[in-house]
């Protein structure tokens, strides 16, 4: 059975140990570990253990594409079709000379979590929900990188194609086709000789029971954990599809040559989109 991946990449790779992301911190949101509701003084922190790995390489590939087509009918027998799509690919490669994983020797207990929940800011966050108590999160693991290098390449592609067809007679027709594609590529590299927080692990603190009086703490297993096989995030932005307009087409590509023809099909207003060449 594959190990469950529980570490999440740091928001950026400029945080040093014992600064903005610290062991024992309690935060309101799993993706914002730098704004603690509660922190523990280093002298009172539970004992930690460290595990070291050397000469590490990780890579991650993300791909997103959105494609669609729109049919428009104008005049009596002519029709037009426009199609287009965008795609983005991100390839990240991380090279780390030494990776230190810091974790608590003994994992936090429900009783210890219950005591932390009593703190003013933590208690306010827990009781901020309209119906039920809101979970909070404790930082319980850190991956500290030394000799860190990051290489990223980003490829963005936008293409659009169009076709206009109209019959001349019952047996003869005429048409025009156009395909256009634009591609951009960006590469960036980053490296540092200082120790930086590469990733962090959280425990989630929730309330159980009919009256939600029992505090429970367990390892948080986010679907968007680093290098997780399941790339689905906890929350995803919805994709909305709507009919194309002249303004939306021009916003899609500022340099695109577009001619708009307004026509009537009986009582219906129709729009024909014709793509030109440079």
Protein backbone atom coordinates (compact mmCIF):
# COMPACT_ATOMS: atom_id res chain seq x y z
CA UNK A 1 0.00 0.00 0.00
CA UNK A 2 1.39 3.41 -0.95
CA UNK A 3 2.11 5.87 1.84
CA UNK A 4 -0.50 8.57 2.36
CA UNK A 5 0.97 11.92 1.35
CA UNK A 6 0.24 14.51 4.00
CA UNK A 7 2.75 17.32 3.36
CA UNK A 8 1.73 20.53 1.61
CA UNK A 9 4.19 22.84 -0.13
CA UNK A 10 4.97 26.10 1.65
CA UNK A 11 3.28 29.21 0.17
CA UNK A 12 6.72 30.27 -1.06
CA UNK A 13 10.29 29.15 -0.51
CA UNK A 14 11.64 32.12 1.44
CA UNK A 15 10.49 31.15 4.96
CA UNK A 16 13.33 30.14 7.26
CA UNK A 17 12.95 27.77 10.24
CA UNK A 18 11.61 29.33 13.46
CA UNK A 19 10.11 32.33 11.67
CA UNK A 20 6.66 32.28 10.03
CA UNK A 21 5.80 28.55 9.95
CA UNK A 22 6.47 26.86 13.30
CA UNK A 23 5.79 23.55 14.97
CA UNK A 24 2.75 23.61 17.26
CA UNK A 25 1.13 26.66 15.65
CA UNK A 26 -2.65 26.50 15.30
CA UNK A 27 -4.07 28.13 12.16
CA UNK A 28 -7.57 28.69 10.81
CA UNK A 29 -6.91 27.62 7.22
CA UNK A 30 -4.72 24.77 5.96
CA UNK A 31 -3.34 26.81 3.07
CA UNK A 32 -2.31 29.77 5.25
CA UNK A 33 0.18 28.46 7.84
CA UNK A 34 1.84 31.85 8.38
CA UNK A 35 -1.03 33.42 10.37
CA UNK A 36 -1.26 31.51 13.66
CA UNK A 37 -4.16 31.80 16.06
CA UNK A 38 -1.97 30.32 18.77
CA UNK A 39 1.74 29.57 19.16
CA UNK A 40 3.73 27.64 21.75
CA UNK A 41 6.97 29.09 23.19
CA UNK A 42 9.95 27.04 22.09
CA UNK A 43 10.75 26.12 25.70
CA UNK A 44 7.27 24.57 26.12
CA UNK A 45 7.15 22.76 22.79
CA UNK A 46 6.74 18.98 22.79
CA UNK A 47 9.98 17.09 21.98
CA UNK A 48 10.67 16.69 18.26
CA UNK A 49 12.62 14.21 16.15
CA UNK A 50 14.42 14.75 12.85
CA UNK A 51 14.86 12.46 9.86
CA UNK A 52 17.37 13.28 7.10
CA UNK A 53 17.31 12.45 3.38
CA UNK A 54 20.04 13.43 0.94
CA UNK A 55 20.24 14.24 -2.78
CA UNK A 56 16.48 14.49 -3.29
CA UNK A 57 14.73 15.17 -6.59
CA UNK A 58 11.01 15.73 -7.01
CA UNK A 59 9.00 16.70 -10.07
CA UNK A 60 5.39 17.71 -10.52
CA UNK A 61 3.37 18.24 -13.70
CA UNK A 62 0.08 20.12 -13.87
CA UNK A 63 -2.02 20.47 -17.00
CA UNK A 64 -5.23 22.41 -17.56
CA UNK A 65 -7.19 22.78 -20.77
CA UNK A 66 -10.52 24.28 -21.73
CA UNK A 67 -12.03 23.88 -25.17
CA UNK A 68 -15.36 24.68 -26.74
CA UNK A 69 -17.21 25.53 -29.91
CA UNK A 70 -20.16 27.70 -30.79
CA UNK A 71 -22.54 27.39 -33.74
CA UNK A 72 -24.24 30.50 -35.09
CA UNK A 73 -26.91 30.57 -37.80
CA UNK A 74 -27.45 33.65 -39.90
CA UNK A 75 -29.45 34.66 -42.94
CA UNK A 76 -31.40 31.71 -44.37
CA UNK A 77 -29.00 28.89 -45.16
CA UNK A 78 -25.56 29.94 -43.92
CA UNK A 79 -23.96 28.80 -40.73
CA UNK A 80 -20.73 29.55 -38.90
CA UNK A 81 -18.79 27.62 -36.33
CA UNK A 82 -16.06 28.95 -34.09
CA UNK A 83 -13.98 26.83 -31.81
CA UNK A 84 -11.12 27.56 -29.54
CA UNK A 85 -9.20 26.40 -26.58
CA UNK A 86 -6.57 27.29 -24.06
CA UNK A 87 -4.14 25.01 -22.31
CA UNK A 88 -1.51 25.54 -19.66
CA UNK A 89 1.21 23.13 -18.60
CA UNK A 90 3.46 23.59 -15.58
CA UNK A 91 6.46 21.38 -14.91
CA UNK A 92 8.27 21.92 -11.61
CA UNK A 93 11.48 20.18 -10.61
CA UNK A 94 12.85 20.43 -7.08
CA UNK A 95 16.41 19.45 -6.18
CA UNK A 96 17.38 19.36 -2.50
CA UNK A 97 20.83 18.41 -1.23
CA UNK A 98 19.60 17.69 2.31
CA UNK A 99 15.97 17.38 3.42
CA UNK A 100 15.23 17.34 7.14
CA UNK A 101 11.80 16.15 8.27
CA UNK A 102 10.93 17.46 11.73
CA UNK A 103 8.01 15.88 13.62
CA UNK A 104 6.77 15.42 17.18
CA UNK A 105 8.14 12.32 18.92
CA UNK A 106 4.65 11.81 20.37
CA UNK A 107 1.70 12.99 18.34
CA UNK A 108 -0.69 15.49 20.00
CA UNK A 109 -3.47 13.90 22.03
CA UNK A 110 -7.15 14.82 22.09
CA UNK A 111 -6.69 16.16 25.63
CA UNK A 112 -3.83 18.43 24.57
CA UNK A 113 -5.87 19.69 21.62
CA UNK A 114 -8.83 20.40 23.93
CA UNK A 115 -6.60 22.63 26.07
CA UNK A 116 -5.37 24.57 23.05
CA UNK A 117 -8.95 25.09 21.84
CA UNK A 118 -9.71 26.97 25.07
CA UNK A 119 -7.37 29.80 24.03
CA UNK A 120 -9.29 32.93 23.08
CA UNK A 121 -8.45 33.27 19.36
CA UNK A 122 -8.68 29.54 18.75
CA UNK A 123 -12.03 29.32 20.54
CA UNK A 124 -13.39 32.25 18.51
CA UNK A 125 -12.37 30.57 15.25
CA UNK A 126 -13.91 27.24 16.30
CA UNK A 127 -17.22 28.90 17.14
CA UNK A 128 -17.35 31.05 14.00
CA UNK A 129 -19.53 28.53 12.13
CA UNK A 130 -23.24 29.24 11.71
CA UNK A 131 -24.40 25.67 12.32
CA UNK A 132 -21.50 23.57 13.59
CA UNK A 133 -18.06 24.12 15.04
CA UNK A 134 -15.34 25.00 12.55
CA UNK A 135 -12.17 22.86 12.40
CA UNK A 136 -8.75 24.38 13.03
CA UNK A 137 -5.32 23.02 12.17
CA UNK A 138 -2.05 22.42 14.03
CA UNK A 139 1.38 22.39 12.37
CA UNK A 140 2.88 19.02 13.35
CA UNK A 141 5.59 18.46 10.76
CA UNK A 142 8.09 20.46 8.71
CA UNK A 143 10.36 19.60 5.81
CA UNK A 144 13.42 21.84 5.96
CA UNK A 145 15.48 22.01 2.77
CA UNK A 146 19.17 22.84 2.52
CA UNK A 147 20.81 23.27 -0.88
CA UNK A 148 17.46 23.96 -2.55
CA UNK A 149 16.98 24.44 -6.31
CA UNK A 150 13.75 24.99 -8.20
CA UNK A 151 13.34 24.84 -11.98
CA UNK A 152 9.96 25.63 -13.54
CA UNK A 153 8.75 25.74 -17.13
CA UNK A 154 5.35 27.08 -18.10
CA UNK A 155 3.80 26.57 -21.54
CA UNK A 156 0.59 28.37 -22.49
CA UNK A 157 -1.24 27.76 -25.74
CA UNK A 158 -4.29 29.53 -27.14
CA UNK A 159 -5.87 28.53 -30.42
CA UNK A 160 -8.98 29.45 -32.32
CA UNK A 161 -10.51 28.07 -35.50
CA UNK A 162 -13.46 29.12 -37.57
CA UNK A 163 -15.51 27.93 -40.49
CA UNK A 164 -18.23 29.59 -42.54
CA UNK A 165 -20.42 27.57 -44.90
CA UNK A 166 -23.20 28.63 -47.23
CA UNK A 167 -24.88 26.74 -50.11
CA UNK A 168 -24.88 28.32 -53.57
CA UNK A 169 -27.25 25.78 -55.09
CA UNK A 170 -28.71 22.56 -53.80
CA UNK A 171 -25.57 20.73 -54.99
CA UNK A 172 -22.85 23.33 -54.60
CA UNK A 173 -21.61 25.06 -51.49
CA UNK A 174 -18.85 27.42 -50.46
CA UNK A 175 -16.91 27.74 -47.25
CA UNK A 176 -13.84 29.13 -45.54
CA UNK A 177 -11.70 27.72 -42.77
CA UNK A 178 -9.19 29.37 -40.49
CA UNK A 179 -6.93 28.02 -37.76
CA UNK A 180 -4.79 30.16 -35.52
CA UNK A 181 -2.57 29.23 -32.61
CA UNK A 182 -0.40 31.22 -30.22
CA UNK A 183 2.05 29.76 -27.73
CA UNK A 184 4.10 31.25 -24.93
CA UNK A 185 6.82 29.61 -22.86
CA UNK A 186 8.41 30.84 -19.63
CA UNK A 187 11.24 29.31 -17.66
CA UNK A 188 12.51 30.30 -14.24
CA UNK A 189 15.10 28.99 -11.80
CA UNK A 190 15.66 29.62 -8.11
CA UNK A 191 18.23 28.38 -5.65
CA UNK A 192 19.42 29.19 -2.14
CA UNK A 193 22.10 27.98 0.24
CA UNK A 194 20.04 28.84 3.32
CA UNK A 195 17.67 26.49 5.13
CA UNK A 196 14.08 27.06 3.99
CA UNK A 197 10.71 25.52 4.85
CA UNK A 198 9.87 23.34 1.85
CA UNK A 199 6.62 21.75 3.08
CA UNK A 200 4.53 21.32 6.22
CA UNK A 201 2.16 18.77 7.75
CA UNK A 202 -1.01 19.52 9.71
CA UNK A 203 -3.29 17.81 12.20
CA UNK A 204 -6.96 18.77 12.01
CA UNK A 205 -8.82 19.55 15.24
CA UNK A 206 -12.55 18.85 15.09
CA UNK A 207 -15.44 18.41 17.51
CA UNK A 208 -17.35 15.12 17.68
CA UNK A 209 -20.52 13.93 19.35
CA UNK A 210 -24.14 15.02 19.32
CA UNK A 211 -23.36 18.26 21.17
CA UNK A 212 -19.91 18.62 19.59
CA UNK A 213 -18.20 18.68 22.95
CA UNK A 214 -15.57 16.00 22.30
CA UNK A 215 -12.33 17.28 20.76
CA UNK A 216 -10.60 15.06 18.20
CA UNK A 217 -7.20 15.58 16.57
CA UNK A 218 -5.89 13.51 13.67
CA UNK A 219 -3.53 13.82 10.72
CA UNK A 220 -4.91 16.05 7.98
CA UNK A 221 -4.87 14.31 4.59
CA UNK A 222 -5.46 16.99 1.97
CA UNK A 223 -6.24 15.81 -1.58
CA UNK A 224 -3.86 18.52 -2.80
CA UNK A 225 -0.89 17.24 -0.79
CA UNK A 226 2.49 17.58 -2.50
CA UNK A 227 3.14 14.87 -5.11
CA UNK A 228 -0.19 13.24 -4.32
CA UNK A 229 -1.42 10.94 -7.09
CA UNK A 230 -4.83 12.59 -6.83
CA UNK A 231 -4.37 16.12 -8.16
CA UNK A 232 -7.86 17.30 -7.19
CA UNK A 233 -7.82 20.15 -4.72
CA UNK A 234 -10.08 20.69 -1.75
CA UNK A 235 -11.80 23.51 -3.58
CA UNK A 236 -11.90 24.15 -7.30
CA UNK A 237 -13.00 27.22 -9.18
CA UNK A 238 -16.13 26.53 -11.21
CA UNK A 239 -15.99 26.76 -15.00
CA UNK A 240 -18.75 28.78 -16.57
CA UNK A 241 -19.74 28.52 -20.24
CA UNK A 242 -21.71 31.22 -21.95
CA UNK A 243 -22.45 32.41 -25.49
CA UNK A 244 -19.61 34.30 -27.11
CA UNK A 245 -19.92 38.03 -27.74
CA UNK A 246 -17.81 40.38 -29.80
CA UNK A 247 -16.16 41.81 -26.67
CA UNK A 248 -15.36 38.36 -25.25
CA UNK A 249 -13.76 37.27 -28.53
CA UNK A 250 -11.62 40.39 -28.68
CA UNK A 251 -10.63 39.92 -25.04
CA UNK A 252 -9.59 36.35 -25.89
CA UNK A 253 -6.92 37.67 -28.28
CA UNK A 254 -6.29 41.40 -28.63
CA UNK A 255 -4.55 40.92 -31.99
CA UNK A 256 -7.22 38.70 -33.53
CA UNK A 257 -8.87 40.12 -36.67
CA UNK A 258 -12.62 39.67 -36.28
CA UNK A 259 -15.51 40.93 -38.38
CA UNK A 260 -18.99 40.85 -36.88
CA UNK A 261 -22.11 40.71 -39.08
CA UNK A 262 -25.55 41.20 -37.54
CA UNK A 263 -28.47 39.64 -39.39
CA UNK A 264 -32.10 38.62 -38.99
CA UNK A 265 -33.53 35.10 -39.19
CA UNK A 266 -37.23 35.82 -39.12
CA UNK A 267 -37.76 37.54 -35.79
CA UNK A 268 -34.49 36.30 -34.34
CA UNK A 269 -31.33 38.39 -34.15
CA UNK A 270 -28.28 36.44 -35.35
CA UNK A 271 -24.58 37.18 -35.26
CA UNK A 272 -21.95 35.90 -37.72
CA UNK A 273 -18.30 35.94 -36.74
CA UNK A 274 -15.72 36.02 -39.53
CA UNK A 275 -12.02 35.64 -38.75
CA UNK A 276 -9.55 37.50 -40.93
CA UNK A 277 -5.86 36.97 -41.60
CA UNK A 278 -3.01 39.37 -40.92
